[in-house]
């Protein structure tokens, strides 16, 4: 990320609890030059209420700035738009930001499996790297590990820019005294959940009985790890589903952050409007940093 402007975009939530701002303030302690653009998208308004809402929000922005003294460069931004994800994604695209930060919304009902929450919509649409914060204080209770996930089988693997993900993971590791782990998940050729054929499921077969792809992926992972100076004990080849294996490993190593590429097509529950990255987010304790490979490809 050398040479890029140190500027991040933060989506503010209604109310006093602001996990995304907490994380931005944490970054600002290590990077005093960091510009934090605090964006509040107001979606309930009309021509009559818009002026008063803007005044009210300006006052609230001032209080927020005072609450985070570690942020030397606090830039308030108020946007009026009926569609919150669309407005935030557009600002991210046009504002020359290093990355964006949002807070994860909790899913409360069965309908949330079919209807995207704001954070999930942003995850799919945004064209710059995105940090999703579940609990601003959780990483303080977790370990040093930052888990970098590489998918060697993705159709857009080259576009996902593994080196860019590693660069981001390194920045976070350097600022938080972390250590990078790198993982690759080898999916079974036949998924029992879809075909009712469990013969290839990792629950019913040993890892050594795979079709040889695990060894192939292991070689690719070692090549990547050697290139970036990651020791063997911090490399992991996993057999199974991404949305199961990554959360399990994240828990095992107490990862404070998971870094991965995202494609709308890589979700096991794609028909239910839920991608693998979103399923991983639901299950991990730390933050999720994603690079949307599809959007990167469209921007080129």
Protein backbone atom coordinates (compact mmCIF):
# COMPACT_ATOMS: atom_id res chain seq x y z
CA UNK A 1 0.00 0.00 0.00
CA UNK A 2 3.04 2.24 -0.29
CA UNK A 3 2.44 5.35 -2.36
CA UNK A 4 -1.31 5.37 -1.77
CA UNK A 5 -2.97 8.19 0.11
CA UNK A 6 -3.55 7.31 3.75
CA UNK A 7 -7.27 7.90 3.71
CA UNK A 8 -10.04 5.55 4.87
CA UNK A 9 -13.82 5.75 4.56
CA UNK A 10 -15.92 4.79 7.60
CA UNK A 11 -19.66 4.15 7.54
CA UNK A 12 -21.33 5.54 10.64
CA UNK A 13 -24.30 3.73 12.16
CA UNK A 14 -27.26 5.38 13.88
CA UNK A 15 -26.70 5.51 17.64
CA UNK A 16 -23.71 5.83 19.93
CA UNK A 17 -22.05 2.43 19.39
CA UNK A 18 -19.66 2.74 16.44
CA UNK A 19 -17.41 -0.35 16.05
CA UNK A 20 -16.09 0.86 12.69
CA UNK A 21 -15.03 4.21 14.17
CA UNK A 22 -13.42 2.45 17.13
CA UNK A 23 -11.26 0.49 14.72
CA UNK A 24 -10.41 3.58 12.66
CA UNK A 25 -9.33 5.35 15.86
CA UNK A 26 -7.15 2.37 16.70
CA UNK A 27 -5.44 2.63 13.31
CA UNK A 28 -4.99 6.39 13.77
CA UNK A 29 -2.97 5.82 16.93
CA UNK A 30 -0.35 4.01 14.84
CA UNK A 31 -0.77 6.20 11.75
CA UNK A 32 -1.17 9.84 12.87
CA UNK A 33 -1.28 10.97 9.24
CA UNK A 34 -4.37 8.87 8.55
CA UNK A 35 -7.38 10.78 7.21
CA UNK A 36 -10.66 9.32 8.48
CA UNK A 37 -13.72 10.27 6.44
CA UNK A 38 -16.75 9.57 8.64
CA UNK A 39 -19.71 9.02 6.31
CA UNK A 40 -23.29 9.11 7.54
CA UNK A 41 -25.89 8.15 4.95
CA UNK A 42 -29.35 9.48 5.83
CA UNK A 43 -32.00 7.47 4.02
CA UNK A 44 -35.20 8.71 5.66
CA UNK A 45 -35.77 12.30 4.57
CA UNK A 46 -37.81 14.62 2.36
CA UNK A 47 -37.37 18.17 1.11
CA UNK A 48 -38.90 19.63 4.27
CA UNK A 49 -36.85 17.65 6.81
CA UNK A 50 -33.53 17.60 4.95
CA UNK A 51 -32.17 20.99 6.26
CA UNK A 52 -32.93 20.20 9.92
CA UNK A 53 -31.56 16.68 9.58
CA UNK A 54 -28.33 18.04 8.16
CA UNK A 55 -27.94 20.47 11.06
CA UNK A 56 -28.66 17.75 13.59
CA UNK A 57 -26.18 15.38 11.96
CA UNK A 58 -23.50 18.07 11.83
CA UNK A 59 -23.80 18.47 15.60
CA UNK A 60 -23.58 14.71 16.09
CA UNK A 61 -20.51 14.55 13.85
CA UNK A 62 -18.80 17.14 16.04
CA UNK A 63 -19.47 15.01 19.14
CA UNK A 64 -18.13 11.92 17.37
CA UNK A 65 -14.93 13.75 16.42
CA UNK A 66 -14.43 14.82 20.05
CA UNK A 67 -14.96 11.23 21.19
CA UNK A 68 -11.97 10.02 19.13
CA UNK A 69 -9.05 12.36 19.92
CA UNK A 70 -6.55 9.93 18.36
CA UNK A 71 -7.91 10.84 14.92
CA UNK A 72 -5.96 13.94 13.92
CA UNK A 73 -7.68 14.26 10.55
CA UNK A 74 -11.41 13.72 11.03
CA UNK A 75 -13.48 14.59 7.94
CA UNK A 76 -17.28 14.49 8.32
CA UNK A 77 -19.39 13.62 5.30
CA UNK A 78 -23.19 13.65 5.23
CA UNK A 79 -24.96 11.98 2.31
CA UNK A 80 -28.69 11.92 1.60
CA UNK A 81 -29.69 8.81 -0.30
CA UNK A 82 -32.58 6.34 -0.01
CA UNK A 83 -30.18 3.48 -0.71
CA UNK A 84 -27.45 3.29 1.95
CA UNK A 85 -25.21 0.62 0.33
CA UNK A 86 -25.39 2.32 -3.06
CA UNK A 87 -24.42 5.70 -1.63
CA UNK A 88 -21.53 4.31 0.41
CA UNK A 89 -20.19 2.23 -2.48
CA UNK A 90 -20.31 5.25 -4.79
CA UNK A 91 -18.38 7.38 -2.31
CA UNK A 92 -15.81 4.60 -1.90
CA UNK A 93 -15.35 4.48 -5.66
CA UNK A 94 -14.87 8.21 -6.12
CA UNK A 95 -12.99 9.27 -3.00
CA UNK A 96 -9.47 7.85 -3.53
CA UNK A 97 -9.56 5.75 -0.35
CA UNK A 98 -7.02 3.19 0.85
CA UNK A 99 -9.87 1.00 2.13
CA UNK A 100 -13.29 1.27 3.77
CA UNK A 101 -14.50 0.22 7.22
CA UNK A 102 -18.02 -0.80 8.18
CA UNK A 103 -19.67 -2.43 11.21
CA UNK A 104 -21.28 -5.83 10.79
CA UNK A 105 -25.04 -5.97 11.27
CA UNK A 106 -26.49 -8.89 13.19
CA UNK A 107 -28.95 -11.19 11.48
CA UNK A 108 -32.00 -11.70 13.64
CA UNK A 109 -34.63 -13.51 11.60
CA UNK A 110 -34.92 -16.20 8.93
CA UNK A 111 -35.71 -13.53 6.34
CA UNK A 112 -32.16 -12.20 6.79
CA UNK A 113 -30.95 -15.32 4.98
CA UNK A 114 -32.78 -14.16 1.87
CA UNK A 115 -32.59 -10.38 2.17
CA UNK A 116 -29.17 -8.74 2.22
CA UNK A 117 -28.32 -6.62 5.21
CA UNK A 118 -26.54 -3.34 4.51
CA UNK A 119 -23.11 -4.76 5.25
CA UNK A 120 -23.61 -7.77 2.97
CA UNK A 121 -24.75 -5.55 0.11
CA UNK A 122 -21.68 -3.35 0.53
CA UNK A 123 -19.43 -6.42 0.63
CA UNK A 124 -20.71 -7.51 -2.78
CA UNK A 125 -20.69 -4.13 -4.49
CA UNK A 126 -17.68 -2.22 -3.21
CA UNK A 127 -14.69 -1.80 -5.51
CA UNK A 128 -12.04 -1.04 -2.86
CA UNK A 129 -10.76 -3.25 -0.02
CA UNK A 130 -13.19 -3.44 2.88
CA UNK A 131 -12.74 -4.10 6.59
CA UNK A 132 -15.85 -5.43 8.38
CA UNK A 133 -15.77 -5.04 12.16
CA UNK A 134 -17.97 -7.30 14.29
CA UNK A 135 -16.88 -6.23 17.77
CA UNK A 136 -14.43 -3.37 18.18
CA UNK A 137 -13.09 -4.86 21.42
CA UNK A 138 -12.94 -8.53 20.39
CA UNK A 139 -9.38 -8.45 18.91
CA UNK A 140 -8.06 -7.29 22.29
CA UNK A 141 -9.17 -10.66 23.65
CA UNK A 142 -7.88 -12.66 20.68
CA UNK A 143 -4.41 -13.77 19.67
CA UNK A 144 -1.83 -12.27 17.34
CA UNK A 145 -2.75 -14.30 14.26
CA UNK A 146 -3.93 -12.65 11.07
CA UNK A 147 -5.31 -15.32 8.76
CA UNK A 148 -4.77 -14.81 5.02
CA UNK A 149 -6.94 -17.06 2.84
CA UNK A 150 -5.90 -17.86 -0.74
CA UNK A 151 -8.17 -19.66 -3.22
CA UNK A 152 -6.07 -21.31 -5.92
CA UNK A 153 -9.15 -22.76 -7.65
CA UNK A 154 -11.14 -19.54 -8.11
CA UNK A 155 -11.80 -18.61 -11.74
CA UNK A 156 -10.68 -15.06 -10.99
CA UNK A 157 -7.74 -16.10 -8.83
CA UNK A 158 -5.20 -13.92 -10.61
CA UNK A 159 -7.53 -10.93 -10.45
CA UNK A 160 -7.96 -11.31 -6.71
CA UNK A 161 -4.35 -10.14 -6.32
CA UNK A 162 -2.90 -12.40 -3.64
CA UNK A 163 0.00 -10.02 -3.22
CA UNK A 164 -2.39 -7.16 -2.46
CA UNK A 165 -4.07 -9.24 0.21
CA UNK A 166 -0.68 -10.11 1.66
CA UNK A 167 0.31 -6.44 1.59
CA UNK A 168 -2.81 -5.53 3.55
CA UNK A 169 -2.32 -8.38 6.03
CA UNK A 170 1.26 -7.23 6.55
CA UNK A 171 0.15 -3.67 7.28
CA UNK A 172 -2.31 -4.89 9.91
CA UNK A 173 0.27 -7.30 11.36
CA UNK A 174 2.91 -4.59 11.64
CA UNK A 175 0.53 -2.19 13.37
CA UNK A 176 -0.84 -4.72 15.84
CA UNK A 177 2.18 -6.90 16.54
CA UNK A 178 0.53 -9.71 14.63
CA UNK A 179 1.78 -12.77 12.78
CA UNK A 180 0.48 -13.84 9.40
CA UNK A 181 -0.94 -17.32 8.82
CA UNK A 182 -1.90 -18.37 5.30
CA UNK A 183 -4.56 -20.97 4.49
CA UNK A 184 -6.01 -22.64 1.42
CA UNK A 185 -9.21 -24.66 1.38
CA UNK A 186 -9.53 -27.63 -0.99
CA UNK A 187 -13.22 -28.21 -1.59
CA UNK A 188 -14.49 -31.80 -2.04
CA UNK A 189 -15.28 -32.72 -5.63
CA UNK A 190 -18.78 -33.79 -4.56
CA UNK A 191 -20.57 -31.89 -1.81
CA UNK A 192 -22.93 -34.10 0.14
CA UNK A 193 -25.12 -31.13 1.05
CA UNK A 194 -25.94 -30.66 -2.62
CA UNK A 195 -25.84 -34.16 -4.06
CA UNK A 196 -26.63 -36.28 -1.00
CA UNK A 197 -23.45 -38.16 -1.93
CA UNK A 198 -21.22 -38.09 1.15
CA UNK A 199 -18.51 -40.32 -0.29
CA UNK A 200 -16.24 -37.32 -0.85
CA UNK A 201 -17.23 -35.40 2.26
CA UNK A 202 -14.34 -34.68 4.68
CA UNK A 203 -16.52 -36.01 7.48
CA UNK A 204 -16.51 -39.48 5.89
CA UNK A 205 -12.98 -39.77 4.48
CA UNK A 206 -9.45 -39.12 5.60
CA UNK A 207 -7.51 -36.19 4.20
CA UNK A 208 -5.00 -38.57 2.65
CA UNK A 209 -7.69 -40.12 0.46
CA UNK A 210 -8.28 -37.02 -1.64
CA UNK A 211 -7.73 -36.97 -5.38
CA UNK A 212 -4.26 -35.44 -5.07
CA UNK A 213 -5.42 -31.85 -5.17
CA UNK A 214 -4.40 -31.33 -1.54
CA UNK A 215 -0.76 -32.04 -2.43
CA UNK A 216 -1.01 -29.75 -5.45
CA UNK A 217 -2.52 -26.97 -3.34
CA UNK A 218 0.09 -27.61 -0.69
CA UNK A 219 2.83 -26.99 -3.24
CA UNK A 220 1.18 -23.77 -4.40
CA UNK A 221 0.74 -22.63 -0.82
CA UNK A 222 4.37 -23.37 0.04
CA UNK A 223 5.50 -21.43 -3.01
CA UNK A 224 3.39 -18.45 -1.91
CA UNK A 225 4.60 -18.74 1.71
CA UNK A 226 8.26 -18.98 0.69
CA UNK A 227 7.89 -15.94 -1.55
CA UNK A 228 6.61 -13.88 1.38
CA UNK A 229 8.75 -15.37 4.14
CA UNK A 230 5.93 -17.16 5.98
CA UNK A 231 7.23 -20.17 7.99
CA UNK A 232 5.80 -23.64 7.34
CA UNK A 233 4.15 -23.84 10.76
CA UNK A 234 1.93 -20.92 9.78
CA UNK A 235 0.65 -22.51 6.55
CA UNK A 236 -2.57 -24.54 6.49
CA UNK A 237 -4.12 -26.71 3.76
CA UNK A 238 -7.71 -27.50 4.73
CA UNK A 239 -10.12 -30.02 3.22
CA UNK A 240 -13.81 -29.08 3.13
CA UNK A 241 -16.07 -26.08 2.70
CA UNK A 242 -14.67 -22.56 2.97
CA UNK A 243 -17.49 -21.41 5.25
CA UNK A 244 -16.73 -24.27 7.68
CA UNK A 245 -12.96 -24.69 7.57
CA UNK A 246 -11.91 -21.03 7.75
CA UNK A 247 -14.00 -20.28 10.88
CA UNK A 248 -12.69 -23.47 12.53
CA UNK A 249 -9.08 -22.53 11.86
CA UNK A 250 -9.75 -18.95 12.88
CA UNK A 251 -11.01 -20.19 16.25
CA UNK A 252 -8.12 -22.62 16.67
CA UNK A 253 -5.47 -19.93 16.24
CA UNK A 254 -7.52 -17.11 17.88
CA UNK A 255 -7.26 -15.00 14.73
CA UNK A 256 -7.91 -11.32 15.24
CA UNK A 257 -8.57 -10.89 11.53
CA UNK A 258 -9.35 -12.95 8.41
CA UNK A 259 -8.24 -11.58 5.02
CA UNK A 260 -9.78 -13.11 1.90
CA UNK A 261 -10.94 -12.41 -1.63
CA UNK A 262 -14.63 -12.33 -2.39
CA UNK A 263 -16.58 -13.41 -5.43
CA UNK A 264 -20.39 -13.47 -5.64
CA UNK A 265 -20.09 -16.93 -7.20
CA UNK A 266 -18.10 -18.59 -4.44
CA UNK A 267 -20.93 -18.90 -1.94
CA UNK A 268 -22.34 -22.28 -1.11
CA UNK A 269 -25.69 -20.56 -0.52
CA UNK A 270 -25.51 -18.29 -3.56
CA UNK A 271 -29.15 -18.94 -4.43
CA UNK A 272 -30.07 -17.66 -0.97
CA UNK A 273 -28.20 -14.39 -1.54
CA UNK A 274 -25.33 -15.30 0.76
CA UNK A 275 -21.69 -15.70 -0.27
CA UNK A 276 -18.86 -17.60 1.37
CA UNK A 277 -17.31 -14.41 2.74
CA UNK A 278 -20.59 -13.52 4.43
CA UNK A 279 -20.89 -16.99 5.97
CA UNK A 280 -17.33 -16.72 7.26
CA UNK A 281 -18.16 -13.30 8.76
CA UNK A 282 -21.11 -14.78 10.63
CA UNK A 283 -18.90 -17.31 12.41
CA UNK A 284 -15.59 -15.63 13.22
CA UNK A 285 -14.87 -13.50 16.28
CA UNK A 286 -12.44 -11.04 14.72
CA UNK A 287 -12.59 -8.65 11.78
CA UNK A 288 -12.97 -9.65 8.12
CA UNK A 289 -10.89 -7.88 5.46
CA UNK A 290 -12.00 -8.57 1.90
CA UNK A 291 -10.97 -7.65 -1.62
CA UNK A 292 -13.78 -8.01 -4.14
CA UNK A 293 -12.13 -9.65 -7.12
CA UNK A 294 -15.15 -9.28 -9.40
CA UNK A 295 -15.37 -5.54 -8.80
CA UNK A 296 -11.60 -5.15 -9.28
CA UNK A 297 -11.91 -6.87 -12.64
CA UNK A 298 -14.76 -4.58 -13.69
CA UNK A 299 -12.77 -1.49 -12.75
CA UNK A 300 -9.79 -2.46 -14.93
